[in-house]
Amino acid sequence: MNVILNGEKKEIPSGIDLESLLTHLSLPVKRVAIELNKEVVRRKDWESIKLSEADRIEVVHFVGGG
């Protein structure tokens, strides 16, 4: 299945949820935010949201500093 991830076309397994997507892509689960089809998704909902063909996903990493 193909989605748009951070502006780039990406092939991912069918039926995958948002939390599993991060693991599949070796992205950190902590300190990230996810936007799905231009709506921010709460962390507690990641596991229950299954992705569909042509979904648009933005993953943003939080970086601390001082």
Protein backbone atom coordinates (compact mmCIF):
# COMPACT_ATOMS: atom_id res chain seq x y z
CA MET A 1 0.00 0.00 0.00
CA ASN A 2 1.28 3.50 -0.77
CA VAL A 3 1.01 6.57 1.46
CA ILE A 4 2.58 10.01 1.46
CA LEU A 5 4.96 10.25 4.43
CA ASN A 6 6.49 13.65 5.13
CA GLY A 7 5.88 14.64 1.51
CA GLU A 8 7.32 11.51 -0.09
CA LYS A 9 5.57 8.46 -1.52
CA LYS A 10 6.28 5.44 0.68
CA GLU A 11 5.22 1.79 0.40
CA ILE A 12 4.06 0.29 3.71
CA PRO A 13 2.34 -2.97 4.75
CA SER A 14 -1.44 -3.02 4.30
CA GLY A 15 -3.59 -2.69 7.42
CA ILE A 16 -0.83 -1.17 9.55
CA ASP A 17 -1.70 1.23 12.37
CA LEU A 18 0.10 4.48 13.20
CA GLU A 19 2.04 3.08 16.16
CA SER A 20 3.22 0.06 14.15
CA LEU A 21 4.21 2.37 11.30
CA LEU A 22 6.73 4.14 13.55
CA THR A 23 8.23 0.78 14.55
CA HIS A 24 8.26 -0.41 10.92
CA LEU A 25 10.16 2.73 9.89
CA SER A 26 12.51 2.55 12.92
CA LEU A 27 11.27 5.93 14.16
CA PRO A 28 11.18 6.78 17.87
CA VAL A 29 7.74 6.49 19.48
CA LYS A 30 8.56 9.08 22.13
CA ARG A 31 8.93 12.78 21.36
CA VAL A 32 7.08 12.70 18.03
CA ALA A 33 3.74 14.03 16.86
CA ILE A 34 1.71 12.59 14.00
CA GLU A 35 -0.61 14.38 11.63
CA LEU A 36 -2.88 12.21 9.47
CA ASN A 37 -4.65 13.84 6.53
CA LYS A 38 -4.06 17.31 8.02
CA GLU A 39 -5.38 16.42 11.51
CA VAL A 40 -3.20 15.89 14.57
CA VAL A 41 -3.70 12.43 16.07
CA ARG A 42 -3.51 11.95 19.83
CA ARG A 43 -0.88 9.44 20.96
CA LYS A 44 -3.50 7.31 22.74
CA ASP A 45 -5.26 6.79 19.37
CA TRP A 46 -2.22 5.70 17.34
CA GLU A 47 -2.79 1.98 17.95
CA SER A 48 -6.44 2.08 16.87
CA ILE A 49 -6.02 4.06 13.62
CA LYS A 50 -5.41 1.87 10.58
CA LEU A 51 -3.84 3.52 7.57
CA SER A 52 -5.40 3.48 4.10
CA GLU A 53 -4.08 3.82 0.57
CA ALA A 54 -3.01 7.41 -0.25
CA ASP A 55 -3.16 8.66 3.37
CA ARG A 56 -0.99 11.70 4.02
CA ILE A 57 1.13 11.34 7.16
CA GLU A 58 3.46 13.89 8.72
CA VAL A 59 5.75 12.76 11.55
CA VAL A 60 7.39 15.58 13.50
CA HIS A 61 10.29 14.98 15.93
CA PHE A 62 10.59 17.19 18.99
CA VAL A 63 14.11 18.34 19.73
CA GLY A 64 15.11 19.87 23.05
CA GLY A 65 17.76 22.49 23.49
CA GLY A 66 18.77 25.40 25.55
